[in-house]
Amino acid sequence: MKKYIILLCFVCQNAFAQLPTPDHISKHIYKLASDKMQGRGTGSKENKKAAKYVAKQFKQYGLQPKGTDGFYQPFTAKVRRVVVPDSLRETNNVIGFLDNGAENTIIIGAHFDHLGLGRQGSSKAEKPEGQIHNGADDNASGVAGLLELARYFSQNNVKEPYNFLFIAFGAEELGLLGSRHFVNNPTLPLDKINFMSNMDMIGRYDASRGVGIGGFGTSEEWPDIFKGVKSETKFFTDKAGSGGSDHGSFYAKKIPVLFFHTGGHDDYHKPTDDPEKIDYKAAAGILGIQIQLIENAMKLPKLKFTTVL
């Protein structure tokens, strides 16, 4: 009996040790949103460095490459919102696979690109050209969440009843181009996807508002899955499955989605979206909510898609 208790404590401690932490989230955001990354604009060498950073973490966590070129799924993105001489830009999705030998797969995603030096449109600064748009919240925060969930599910010593596909999308800021490229050129069958969970801007938590979780109406099973979720981090749900981030590409293919977002702020799409403004403790809490939802969903058969009216 004593040995059993010791073993149980070890397993619990080991699982707890893998939970997302503010320190891990901070490390990723400060790396991706540093001035050295020059805003991770699509087609830039810094954008490639960001993709390489994500791929390195995926490899470290033991994920299998699931792109078309190792971890990478290259594609060509086009700048449409402003006139630039280099409107066609090469970029990548970064894709890692956790194979649990299951029939169906859960996708967790976040976009890793941002506005670079303000020369690709969408900046809200008065004179954006030449200014570094670090994009700490948009969307280094989501990528940090993606990496922490990859770490958790790959190192929790549990063989879940679903596989996981972790995707860092490119060129979201140019019109959801990375996620649209993936759903039109999937590296696993779309009919084997259970649901897609997306994180875009989860770093500026407002306790009076809470984190919004969209997609609540995209499957009739979501209400039951949300039952019993407990967190000190406040949240609310929204039915919509479409919207201005990468989950919309999956919803358009009739795949249930969730979308985590802490809301707009005065630094949105400005050079002032910096790492020191992120609420790291709340971001970890948001990931804790997502883990509970995913683990609840995995107790059920593959979710049924519902169109939101």
C-alpha atoms as a PDB file:
ATOM      1  CA  MET A   1       0.000   0.000   0.000  1.00  0.00           C
ATOM      2  CA  LYS A   2       2.819   2.396   0.884  1.00  0.00           C
ATOM      3  CA  LYS A   3       4.540   1.733  -2.433  1.00  0.00           C
ATOM      4  CA  TYR A   4       1.244   2.384  -4.256  1.00  0.00           C
ATOM      5  CA  ILE A   5       0.814   5.739  -2.492  1.00  0.00           C
ATOM      6  CA  ILE A   6       4.393   6.752  -3.289  1.00  0.00           C
ATOM      7  CA  LEU A   7       3.931   5.788  -6.941  1.00  0.00           C
ATOM      8  CA  LEU A   8       0.624   7.675  -7.128  1.00  0.00           C
ATOM      9  CA  CYS A   9       2.214  10.786  -5.604  1.00  0.00           C
ATOM     10  CA  PHE A  10       5.086  10.562  -8.091  1.00  0.00           C
ATOM     11  CA  VAL A  11       2.691  10.347 -11.035  1.00  0.00           C
ATOM     12  CA  CYS A  12       0.620  13.271  -9.718  1.00  0.00           C
ATOM     13  CA  GLN A  13       3.700  15.398  -9.080  1.00  0.00           C
ATOM     14  CA  ASN A  14       5.088  14.555 -12.515  1.00  0.00           C
ATOM     15  CA  ALA A  15       1.831  15.516 -14.226  1.00  0.00           C
ATOM     16  CA  PHE A  16       1.614  18.711 -12.157  1.00  0.00           C
ATOM     17  CA  ALA A  17       5.191  19.585 -13.086  1.00  0.00           C
ATOM     18  CA  GLN A  18       4.192  19.745 -16.754  1.00  0.00           C
ATOM     19  CA  LEU A  19       1.363  22.255 -16.275  1.00  0.00           C
ATOM     20  CA  PRO A  20       1.835  25.595 -18.061  1.00  0.00           C
ATOM     21  CA  THR A  21       3.706  28.144 -15.963  1.00  0.00           C
ATOM     22  CA  PRO A  22       4.080  31.934 -16.124  1.00  0.00           C
ATOM     23  CA  ASP A  23       7.878  31.494 -16.353  1.00  0.00           C
ATOM     24  CA  HIS A  24       7.688  29.270 -19.434  1.00  0.00           C
ATOM     25  CA  ILE A  25       5.145  31.582 -21.077  1.00  0.00           C
ATOM     26  CA  SER A  26       7.350  34.586 -20.327  1.00  0.00           C
ATOM     27  CA  LYS A  27      10.407  32.923 -21.851  1.00  0.00           C
ATOM     28  CA  HIS A  28       8.627  32.270 -25.146  1.00  0.00           C
ATOM     29  CA  ILE A  29       7.035  35.717 -25.377  1.00  0.00           C
ATOM     30  CA  TYR A  30      10.236  37.600 -24.581  1.00  0.00           C
ATOM     31  CA  LYS A  31      11.995  35.549 -27.262  1.00  0.00           C
ATOM     32  CA  LEU A  32       9.375  35.964 -29.987  1.00  0.00           C
ATOM     33  CA  ALA A  33       8.487  39.597 -29.224  1.00  0.00           C
ATOM     34  CA  SER A  34      12.015  40.923 -28.719  1.00  0.00           C
ATOM     35  CA  ASP A  35      13.293  43.792 -30.863  1.00  0.00           C
ATOM     36  CA  LYS A  36      15.667  41.285 -32.472  1.00  0.00           C
ATOM     37  CA  MET A  37      12.635  39.567 -34.025  1.00  0.00           C
ATOM     38  CA  GLN A  38      11.715  42.838 -35.782  1.00  0.00           C
ATOM     39  CA  GLY A  39       7.987  42.156 -35.506  1.00  0.00           C
ATOM     40  CA  ARG A  40       8.037  38.776 -37.313  1.00  0.00           C
ATOM     41  CA  GLY A  41       6.671  40.243 -40.539  1.00  0.00           C
ATOM     42  CA  THR A  42       5.702  37.697 -43.191  1.00  0.00           C
ATOM     43  CA  GLY A  43       8.594  36.972 -45.564  1.00  0.00           C
ATOM     44  CA  SER A  44      11.260  38.454 -43.277  1.00  0.00           C
ATOM     45  CA  LYS A  45      14.294  36.597 -42.000  1.00  0.00           C
ATOM     46  CA  GLU A  46      13.013  37.195 -38.477  1.00  0.00           C
ATOM     47  CA  ASN A  47       9.743  35.497 -39.400  1.00  0.00           C
ATOM     48  CA  LYS A  48      11.833  32.495 -40.458  1.00  0.00           C
ATOM     49  CA  LYS A  49      13.686  32.656 -37.135  1.00  0.00           C
ATOM     50  CA  ALA A  50      10.375  32.579 -35.285  1.00  0.00           C
ATOM     51  CA  ALA A  51       9.277  29.527 -37.290  1.00  0.00           C
ATOM     52  CA  LYS A  52      12.596  27.851 -36.542  1.00  0.00           C
ATOM     53  CA  TYR A  53      12.169  28.579 -32.834  1.00  0.00           C
ATOM     54  CA  VAL A  54       8.753  26.890 -32.813  1.00  0.00           C
ATOM     55  CA  ALA A  55      10.078  23.892 -34.749  1.00  0.00           C
ATOM     56  CA  LYS A  56      12.952  23.557 -32.280  1.00  0.00           C
ATOM     57  CA  GLN A  57      10.512  23.423 -29.357  1.00  0.00           C
ATOM     58  CA  PHE A  58       8.347  20.853 -31.159  1.00  0.00           C
ATOM     59  CA  LYS A  59      11.388  18.669 -31.721  1.00  0.00           C
ATOM     60  CA  GLN A  60      12.443  19.063 -28.087  1.00  0.00           C
ATOM     61  CA  TYR A  61       9.009  17.848 -26.973  1.00  0.00           C
ATOM     62  CA  GLY A  62       9.320  14.758 -29.163  1.00  0.00           C
ATOM     63  CA  LEU A  63       6.609  15.720 -31.648  1.00  0.00           C
ATOM     64  CA  GLN A  64       6.693  14.190 -35.112  1.00  0.00           C
ATOM     65  CA  PRO A  65       7.118  16.503 -38.131  1.00  0.00           C
ATOM     66  CA  LYS A  66       3.800  16.788 -39.942  1.00  0.00           C
ATOM     67  CA  GLY A  67       4.440  19.445 -42.532  1.00  0.00           C
ATOM     68  CA  THR A  68       5.330  18.856 -46.154  1.00  0.00           C
ATOM     69  CA  ASP A  69       8.988  19.674 -45.462  1.00  0.00           C
ATOM     70  CA  GLY A  70       9.726  18.311 -42.015  1.00  0.00           C
ATOM     71  CA  PHE A  71       7.952  20.515 -39.487  1.00  0.00           C
ATOM     72  CA  TYR A  72       7.350  23.160 -42.170  1.00  0.00           C
ATOM     73  CA  GLN A  73       4.489  23.566 -44.619  1.00  0.00           C
ATOM     74  CA  PRO A  74       5.761  26.239 -47.038  1.00  0.00           C
ATOM     75  CA  PHE A  75       3.379  28.501 -48.938  1.00  0.00           C
ATOM     76  CA  THR A  76       3.359  31.849 -50.711  1.00  0.00           C
ATOM     77  CA  ALA A  77       1.522  34.727 -49.071  1.00  0.00           C
ATOM     78  CA  LYS A  78       0.430  37.908 -50.808  1.00  0.00           C
ATOM     79  CA  VAL A  79       0.277  41.373 -49.262  1.00  0.00           C
ATOM     80  CA  ARG A  80      -3.008  42.917 -50.411  1.00  0.00           C
ATOM     81  CA  ARG A  81      -3.796  45.746 -48.019  1.00  0.00           C
ATOM     82  CA  VAL A  82      -0.988  48.062 -49.159  1.00  0.00           C
ATOM     83  CA  VAL A  83       1.002  48.411 -52.359  1.00  0.00           C
ATOM     84  CA  VAL A  84       4.531  47.051 -51.894  1.00  0.00           C
ATOM     85  CA  PRO A  85       7.161  45.913 -54.417  1.00  0.00           C
ATOM     86  CA  ASP A  86       7.539  42.540 -52.671  1.00  0.00           C
ATOM     87  CA  SER A  87       3.873  41.599 -52.401  1.00  0.00           C
ATOM     88  CA  LEU A  88       4.570  37.859 -52.780  1.00  0.00           C
ATOM     89  CA  ARG A  89       6.335  36.458 -49.724  1.00  0.00           C
ATOM     90  CA  GLU A  90       7.435  32.950 -48.835  1.00  0.00           C
ATOM     91  CA  THR A  91       6.513  31.698 -45.392  1.00  0.00           C
ATOM     92  CA  ASN A  92       5.498  28.536 -43.506  1.00  0.00           C
ATOM     93  CA  ASN A  93       3.085  26.874 -41.186  1.00  0.00           C
ATOM     94  CA  VAL A  94       4.957  24.919 -38.500  1.00  0.00           C
ATOM     95  CA  ILE A  95       3.311  21.597 -37.668  1.00  0.00           C
ATOM     96  CA  GLY A  96       4.079  19.008 -34.986  1.00  0.00           C
ATOM     97  CA  PHE A  97       2.178  15.780 -34.353  1.00  0.00           C
ATOM     98  CA  LEU A  98       1.673  13.867 -31.120  1.00  0.00           C
ATOM     99  CA  ASP A  99       0.737  10.358 -32.252  1.00  0.00           C
ATOM    100  CA  ASN A 100      -1.297   8.477 -29.660  1.00  0.00           C
ATOM    101  CA  GLY A 101      -2.340   5.820 -32.162  1.00  0.00           C
ATOM    102  CA  ALA A 102      -5.886   7.178 -32.162  1.00  0.00           C
ATOM    103  CA  GLU A 103      -8.335   7.410 -35.033  1.00  0.00           C
ATOM    104  CA  ASN A 104      -9.041  11.130 -34.609  1.00  0.00           C
ATOM    105  CA  THR A 105      -6.968  14.214 -33.849  1.00  0.00           C
ATOM    106  CA  ILE A 106      -7.377  17.477 -31.931  1.00  0.00           C
ATOM    107  CA  ILE A 107      -5.763  20.560 -33.475  1.00  0.00           C
ATOM    108  CA  ILE A 108      -4.309  23.301 -31.283  1.00  0.00           C
ATOM    109  CA  GLY A 109      -3.211  26.409 -33.139  1.00  0.00           C
ATOM    110  CA  ALA A 110      -1.920  29.982 -32.942  1.00  0.00           C
ATOM    111  CA  HIS A 111      -0.396  32.333 -35.517  1.00  0.00           C
ATOM    112  CA  PHE A 112       3.248  33.344 -35.101  1.00  0.00           C
ATOM    113  CA  ASP A 113       3.489  36.257 -37.568  1.00  0.00           C
ATOM    114  CA  HIS A 114       2.899  39.937 -36.830  1.00  0.00           C
ATOM    115  CA  LEU A 115       3.272  43.284 -38.610  1.00  0.00           C
ATOM    116  CA  GLY A 116       7.048  43.499 -38.852  1.00  0.00           C
ATOM    117  CA  LEU A 117       8.261  47.049 -39.388  1.00  0.00           C
ATOM    118  CA  GLY A 118       4.829  48.382 -40.241  1.00  0.00           C
ATOM    119  CA  ARG A 119       5.122  48.076 -44.028  1.00  0.00           C
ATOM    120  CA  GLN A 120       2.523  45.380 -44.730  1.00  0.00           C
ATOM    121  CA  GLY A 121      -0.636  47.208 -43.689  1.00  0.00           C
ATOM    122  CA  SER A 122      -2.972  46.901 -40.671  1.00  0.00           C
ATOM    123  CA  SER A 123      -0.880  49.011 -38.278  1.00  0.00           C
ATOM    124  CA  LYS A 124      -2.821  51.477 -36.135  1.00  0.00           C
ATOM    125  CA  ALA A 125       0.217  53.674 -35.456  1.00  0.00           C
ATOM    126  CA  GLU A 126       0.202  57.185 -36.939  1.00  0.00           C
ATOM    127  CA  LYS A 127       3.504  56.656 -38.759  1.00  0.00           C
ATOM    128  CA  PRO A 128       4.094  52.892 -38.680  1.00  0.00           C
ATOM    129  CA  GLU A 129       6.788  52.532 -41.341  1.00  0.00           C
ATOM    130  CA  GLY A 130      10.123  51.528 -39.834  1.00  0.00           C
ATOM    131  CA  GLN A 131       8.769  50.960 -36.321  1.00  0.00           C
ATOM    132  CA  ILE A 132       9.089  47.512 -34.748  1.00  0.00           C
ATOM    133  CA  HIS A 133       5.665  46.029 -34.029  1.00  0.00           C
ATOM    134  CA  ASN A 134       6.680  43.435 -31.443  1.00  0.00           C
ATOM    135  CA  GLY A 135       3.274  41.779 -31.189  1.00  0.00           C
ATOM    136  CA  ALA A 136       3.721  40.413 -27.679  1.00  0.00           C
ATOM    137  CA  ASP A 137      -0.005  39.883 -27.210  1.00  0.00           C
ATOM    138  CA  ASP A 138      -0.698  39.520 -30.943  1.00  0.00           C
ATOM    139  CA  ASN A 139       0.327  36.790 -31.096  1.00  0.00           C
ATOM    140  CA  ALA A 140       3.458  35.791 -29.221  1.00  0.00           C
ATOM    141  CA  SER A 141       1.065  35.115 -26.332  1.00  0.00           C
ATOM    142  CA  GLY A 142      -0.877  32.561 -28.366  1.00  0.00           C
ATOM    143  CA  VAL A 143       2.291  30.869 -29.599  1.00  0.00           C
ATOM    144  CA  ALA A 144       3.575  30.638 -26.032  1.00  0.00           C
ATOM    145  CA  GLY A 145       0.277  28.984 -25.158  1.00  0.00           C
ATOM    146  CA  LEU A 146       0.636  26.612 -28.095  1.00  0.00           C
ATOM    147  CA  LEU A 147       4.119  25.597 -26.980  1.00  0.00           C
ATOM    148  CA  GLU A 148       3.063  25.132 -23.366  1.00  0.00           C
ATOM    149  CA  LEU A 149       0.160  22.892 -24.374  1.00  0.00           C
ATOM    150  CA  ALA A 150       2.507  20.913 -26.626  1.00  0.00           C
ATOM    151  CA  ARG A 151       4.839  20.499 -23.656  1.00  0.00           C
ATOM    152  CA  TYR A 152       2.002  19.475 -21.346  1.00  0.00           C
ATOM    153  CA  PHE A 153       0.378  16.872 -23.565  1.00  0.00           C
ATOM    154  CA  SER A 154       3.675  15.404 -24.758  1.00  0.00           C
ATOM    155  CA  GLN A 155       5.164  15.091 -21.263  1.00  0.00           C
ATOM    156  CA  ASN A 156       2.221  14.244 -18.991  1.00  0.00           C
ATOM    157  CA  ASN A 157       2.853  10.477 -19.202  1.00  0.00           C
ATOM    158  CA  VAL A 158      -0.697   9.889 -20.447  1.00  0.00           C
ATOM    159  CA  LYS A 159      -1.628   8.261 -23.736  1.00  0.00           C
ATOM    160  CA  GLU A 160      -4.766  10.184 -24.609  1.00  0.00           C
ATOM    161  CA  PRO A 161      -7.583   8.713 -26.747  1.00  0.00           C
ATOM    162  CA  TYR A 162      -6.937  11.386 -29.391  1.00  0.00           C
ATOM    163  CA  ASN A 163      -3.851  12.464 -31.301  1.00  0.00           C
ATOM    164  CA  PHE A 164      -2.755  16.114 -31.257  1.00  0.00           C
ATOM    165  CA  LEU A 165      -1.668  18.323 -34.122  1.00  0.00           C
ATOM    166  CA  PHE A 166       0.024  21.537 -33.011  1.00  0.00           C
ATOM    167  CA  ILE A 167       0.129  24.245 -35.696  1.00  0.00           C
ATOM    168  CA  ALA A 168       1.828  27.645 -35.659  1.00  0.00           C
ATOM    169  CA  PHE A 169       0.217  29.447 -38.576  1.00  0.00           C
ATOM    170  CA  GLY A 170       1.998  31.892 -40.854  1.00  0.00           C
ATOM    171  CA  ALA A 171       0.555  35.010 -42.518  1.00  0.00           C
ATOM    172  CA  GLU A 172      -2.552  35.314 -40.341  1.00  0.00           C
ATOM    173  CA  GLU A 173      -2.197  39.091 -40.383  1.00  0.00           C
ATOM    174  CA  LEU A 174      -2.456  39.043 -44.181  1.00  0.00           C
ATOM    175  CA  GLY A 175      -5.868  37.392 -44.087  1.00  0.00           C
ATOM    176  CA  LEU A 176      -5.729  34.004 -42.310  1.00  0.00           C
ATOM    177  CA  LEU A 177      -3.541  32.751 -45.147  1.00  0.00           C
ATOM    178  CA  GLY A 178      -1.685  30.044 -43.207  1.00  0.00           C
ATOM    179  CA  SER A 179      -4.796  28.378 -41.807  1.00  0.00           C
ATOM    180  CA  ARG A 180      -6.566  28.635 -45.155  1.00  0.00           C
ATOM    181  CA  HIS A 181      -3.588  27.008 -46.823  1.00  0.00           C
ATOM    182  CA  PHE A 182      -3.639  24.187 -44.282  1.00  0.00           C
ATOM    183  CA  VAL A 183      -7.353  23.378 -44.567  1.00  0.00           C
ATOM    184  CA  ASN A 184      -7.052  23.377 -48.362  1.00  0.00           C
ATOM    185  CA  ASN A 185      -3.859  21.298 -48.238  1.00  0.00           C
ATOM    186  CA  PRO A 186      -4.229  19.296 -45.011  1.00  0.00           C
ATOM    187  CA  THR A 187      -1.407  17.046 -43.856  1.00  0.00           C
ATOM    188  CA  LEU A 188      -3.955  14.726 -42.274  1.00  0.00           C
ATOM    189  CA  PRO A 189      -7.570  14.096 -43.368  1.00  0.00           C
ATOM    190  CA  LEU A 190      -9.960  16.836 -42.291  1.00  0.00           C
ATOM    191  CA  ASP A 191     -12.638  14.255 -41.509  1.00  0.00           C
ATOM    192  CA  LYS A 192     -10.330  12.858 -38.808  1.00  0.00           C
ATOM    193  CA  ILE A 193     -10.191  16.182 -36.927  1.00  0.00           C
ATOM    194  CA  ASN A 194     -12.251  16.217 -33.740  1.00  0.00           C
ATOM    195  CA  PHE A 195     -12.080  19.975 -33.169  1.00  0.00           C
ATOM    196  CA  MET A 196      -9.701  22.930 -33.482  1.00  0.00           C
ATOM    197  CA  SER A 197      -8.716  25.149 -30.538  1.00  0.00           C
ATOM    198  CA  ASN A 198      -7.195  28.528 -31.403  1.00  0.00           C
ATOM    199  CA  MET A 199      -5.379  31.105 -29.277  1.00  0.00           C
ATOM    200  CA  ASP A 200      -5.010  34.656 -30.573  1.00  0.00           C
ATOM    201  CA  MET A 201      -4.195  37.390 -28.033  1.00  0.00           C
ATOM    202  CA  ILE A 202      -4.438  35.709 -24.630  1.00  0.00           C
ATOM    203  CA  GLY A 203      -1.991  38.002 -22.849  1.00  0.00           C
ATOM    204  CA  ARG A 204      -3.952  41.067 -21.723  1.00  0.00           C
ATOM    205  CA  TYR A 205      -6.396  39.631 -19.233  1.00  0.00           C
ATOM    206  CA  ASP A 206      -8.936  42.014 -17.714  1.00  0.00           C
ATOM    207  CA  ALA A 207     -10.456  40.512 -14.571  1.00  0.00           C
ATOM    208  CA  SER A 208     -13.621  42.594 -14.987  1.00  0.00           C
ATOM    209  CA  ARG A 209     -14.171  41.027 -18.422  1.00  0.00           C
ATOM    210  CA  GLY A 210     -12.521  37.636 -18.315  1.00  0.00           C
ATOM    211  CA  VAL A 211     -11.197  35.638 -21.250  1.00  0.00           C
ATOM    212  CA  GLY A 212     -13.676  35.110 -24.043  1.00  0.00           C
ATOM    213  CA  ILE A 213     -14.062  31.593 -25.414  1.00  0.00           C
ATOM    214  CA  GLY A 214     -15.697  31.588 -28.826  1.00  0.00           C
ATOM    215  CA  GLY A 215     -17.051  28.614 -30.737  1.00  0.00           C
ATOM    216  CA  PHE A 216     -19.460  27.551 -27.985  1.00  0.00           C
ATOM    217  CA  GLY A 217     -22.197  27.104 -30.594  1.00  0.00           C
ATOM    218  CA  THR A 218     -20.153  24.992 -33.032  1.00  0.00           C
ATOM    219  CA  SER A 219     -20.997  21.666 -31.391  1.00  0.00           C
ATOM    220  CA  GLU A 220     -23.981  20.568 -29.331  1.00  0.00           C
ATOM    221  CA  GLU A 221     -21.531  18.843 -26.953  1.00  0.00           C
ATOM    222  CA  TRP A 222     -19.689  21.997 -25.840  1.00  0.00           C
ATOM    223  CA  PRO A 223     -22.152  22.893 -23.024  1.00  0.00           C
ATOM    224  CA  ASP A 224     -21.591  19.519 -21.334  1.00  0.00           C
ATOM    225  CA  ILE A 225     -17.824  19.777 -21.866  1.00  0.00           C
ATOM    226  CA  PHE A 226     -17.783  23.152 -20.087  1.00  0.00           C
ATOM    227  CA  LYS A 227     -19.594  21.779 -17.030  1.00  0.00           C
ATOM    228  CA  GLY A 228     -17.372  21.492 -13.988  1.00  0.00           C
ATOM    229  CA  VAL A 229     -14.514  23.623 -15.371  1.00  0.00           C
ATOM    230  CA  LYS A 230     -13.025  25.532 -12.452  1.00  0.00           C
ATOM    231  CA  SER A 231     -10.520  28.364 -12.513  1.00  0.00           C
ATOM    232  CA  GLU A 232      -9.571  31.520 -10.677  1.00  0.00           C
ATOM    233  CA  THR A 233      -9.301  32.999 -14.164  1.00  0.00           C
ATOM    234  CA  LYS A 234     -12.705  34.324 -15.205  1.00  0.00           C
ATOM    235  CA  PHE A 235     -14.141  33.275 -18.564  1.00  0.00           C
ATOM    236  CA  PHE A 236     -17.287  33.637 -20.635  1.00  0.00           C
ATOM    237  CA  THR A 237     -18.492  31.942 -23.806  1.00  0.00           C
ATOM    238  CA  ASP A 238     -19.610  33.143 -27.202  1.00  0.00           C
ATOM    239  CA  LYS A 239     -21.393  31.020 -29.794  1.00  0.00           C
ATOM    240  CA  ALA A 240     -19.682  32.368 -32.926  1.00  0.00           C
ATOM    241  CA  GLY A 241     -17.429  30.006 -34.851  1.00  0.00           C
ATOM    242  CA  SER A 242     -16.247  32.376 -37.558  1.00  0.00           C
ATOM    243  CA  GLY A 243     -14.282  35.563 -36.930  1.00  0.00           C
ATOM    244  CA  GLY A 244     -11.014  37.303 -37.603  1.00  0.00           C
ATOM    245  CA  SER A 245      -8.600  34.550 -36.628  1.00  0.00           C
ATOM    246  CA  ASP A 246      -7.475  31.133 -37.798  1.00  0.00           C
ATOM    247  CA  HIS A 247     -10.267  29.092 -36.227  1.00  0.00           C
ATOM    248  CA  GLY A 248     -12.543  30.634 -38.851  1.00  0.00           C
ATOM    249  CA  SER A 249     -10.800  28.624 -41.578  1.00  0.00           C
ATOM    250  CA  PHE A 250     -11.684  25.386 -39.764  1.00  0.00           C
ATOM    251  CA  TYR A 251     -15.239  26.458 -39.008  1.00  0.00           C
ATOM    252  CA  ALA A 252     -15.698  27.072 -42.742  1.00  0.00           C
ATOM    253  CA  LYS A 253     -14.817  23.380 -43.252  1.00  0.00           C
ATOM    254  CA  LYS A 254     -17.492  22.336 -40.726  1.00  0.00           C
ATOM    255  CA  ILE A 255     -15.083  21.515 -37.906  1.00  0.00           C
ATOM    256  CA  PRO A 256     -16.030  22.455 -34.317  1.00  0.00           C
ATOM    257  CA  VAL A 257     -13.804  25.182 -32.857  1.00  0.00           C
ATOM    258  CA  LEU A 258     -12.876  27.025 -29.691  1.00  0.00           C
ATOM    259  CA  PHE A 259     -11.279  30.472 -29.699  1.00  0.00           C
ATOM    260  CA  PHE A 260      -9.466  31.996 -26.703  1.00  0.00           C
ATOM    261  CA  HIS A 261      -9.073  35.788 -26.685  1.00  0.00           C
ATOM    262  CA  THR A 262      -8.638  38.350 -23.899  1.00  0.00           C
ATOM    263  CA  GLY A 263      -9.972  41.268 -25.939  1.00  0.00           C
ATOM    264  CA  GLY A 264      -8.748  44.413 -27.612  1.00  0.00           C
ATOM    265  CA  HIS A 265      -6.600  47.127 -26.028  1.00  0.00           C
ATOM    266  CA  ASP A 266      -4.928  50.438 -26.828  1.00  0.00           C
ATOM    267  CA  ASP A 267      -1.698  48.727 -27.962  1.00  0.00           C
ATOM    268  CA  TYR A 268      -3.400  46.521 -30.569  1.00  0.00           C
ATOM    269  CA  HIS A 269      -1.432  46.599 -33.848  1.00  0.00           C
ATOM    270  CA  LYS A 270       0.866  49.289 -32.512  1.00  0.00           C
ATOM    271  CA  PRO A 271       4.612  49.292 -31.730  1.00  0.00           C
ATOM    272  CA  THR A 272       3.675  49.441 -28.016  1.00  0.00           C
ATOM    273  CA  ASP A 273       2.427  45.828 -27.817  1.00  0.00           C
ATOM    274  CA  ASP A 274       5.398  44.784 -25.664  1.00  0.00           C
ATOM    275  CA  PRO A 275       6.217  41.776 -23.417  1.00  0.00           C
ATOM    276  CA  GLU A 276       6.250  43.698 -20.122  1.00  0.00           C
ATOM    277  CA  LYS A 277       2.510  44.389 -20.525  1.00  0.00           C
ATOM    278  CA  ILE A 278       1.516  40.719 -20.571  1.00  0.00           C
ATOM    279  CA  ASP A 279      -0.294  39.167 -17.585  1.00  0.00           C
ATOM    280  CA  TYR A 280       1.689  35.936 -17.380  1.00  0.00           C
ATOM    281  CA  LYS A 281      -0.154  34.460 -14.414  1.00  0.00           C
ATOM    282  CA  ALA A 282      -3.528  34.913 -16.108  1.00  0.00           C
ATOM    283  CA  ALA A 283      -2.182  33.449 -19.357  1.00  0.00           C
ATOM    284  CA  ALA A 284      -1.212  30.304 -17.448  1.00  0.00           C
ATOM    285  CA  GLY A 285      -4.717  30.264 -15.966  1.00  0.00           C
ATOM    286  CA  ILE A 286      -6.238  30.473 -19.444  1.00  0.00           C
ATOM    287  CA  LEU A 287      -4.192  27.472 -20.531  1.00  0.00           C
ATOM    288  CA  GLY A 288      -5.410  25.636 -17.441  1.00  0.00           C
ATOM    289  CA  ILE A 289      -8.988  26.242 -18.586  1.00  0.00           C
ATOM    290  CA  GLN A 290      -8.149  24.974 -22.043  1.00  0.00           C
ATOM    291  CA  ILE A 291      -6.558  21.813 -20.650  1.00  0.00           C
ATOM    292  CA  GLN A 292      -9.688  21.073 -18.618  1.00  0.00           C
ATOM    293  CA  LEU A 293     -11.891  21.545 -21.685  1.00  0.00           C
ATOM    294  CA  ILE A 294      -9.700  19.356 -23.870  1.00  0.00           C
ATOM    295  CA  GLU A 295      -9.552  16.620 -21.259  1.00  0.00           C
ATOM    296  CA  ASN A 296     -13.344  16.762 -20.806  1.00  0.00           C
ATOM    297  CA  ALA A 297     -13.833  16.590 -24.588  1.00  0.00           C
ATOM    298  CA  MET A 298     -11.573  13.539 -24.830  1.00  0.00           C
ATOM    299  CA  LYS A 299     -14.012  11.584 -22.652  1.00  0.00           C
ATOM    300  CA  LEU A 300     -16.547  11.821 -25.478  1.00  0.00           C
ATOM    301  CA  PRO A 301     -16.728  10.442 -29.017  1.00  0.00           C
ATOM    302  CA  LYS A 302     -15.791  12.720 -31.917  1.00  0.00           C
ATOM    303  CA  LEU A 303     -17.791  15.949 -31.649  1.00  0.00           C
ATOM    304  CA  LYS A 304     -20.641  16.743 -34.036  1.00  0.00           C
ATOM    305  CA  PHE A 305     -20.393  20.027 -35.925  1.00  0.00           C
ATOM    306  CA  THR A 306     -23.198  22.570 -35.580  1.00  0.00           C
ATOM    307  CA  THR A 307     -23.636  25.636 -37.775  1.00  0.00           C
ATOM    308  CA  VAL A 308     -24.045  28.822 -35.736  1.00  0.00           C
ATOM    309  CA  LEU A 309     -27.122  30.739 -36.885  1.00  0.00           C
END
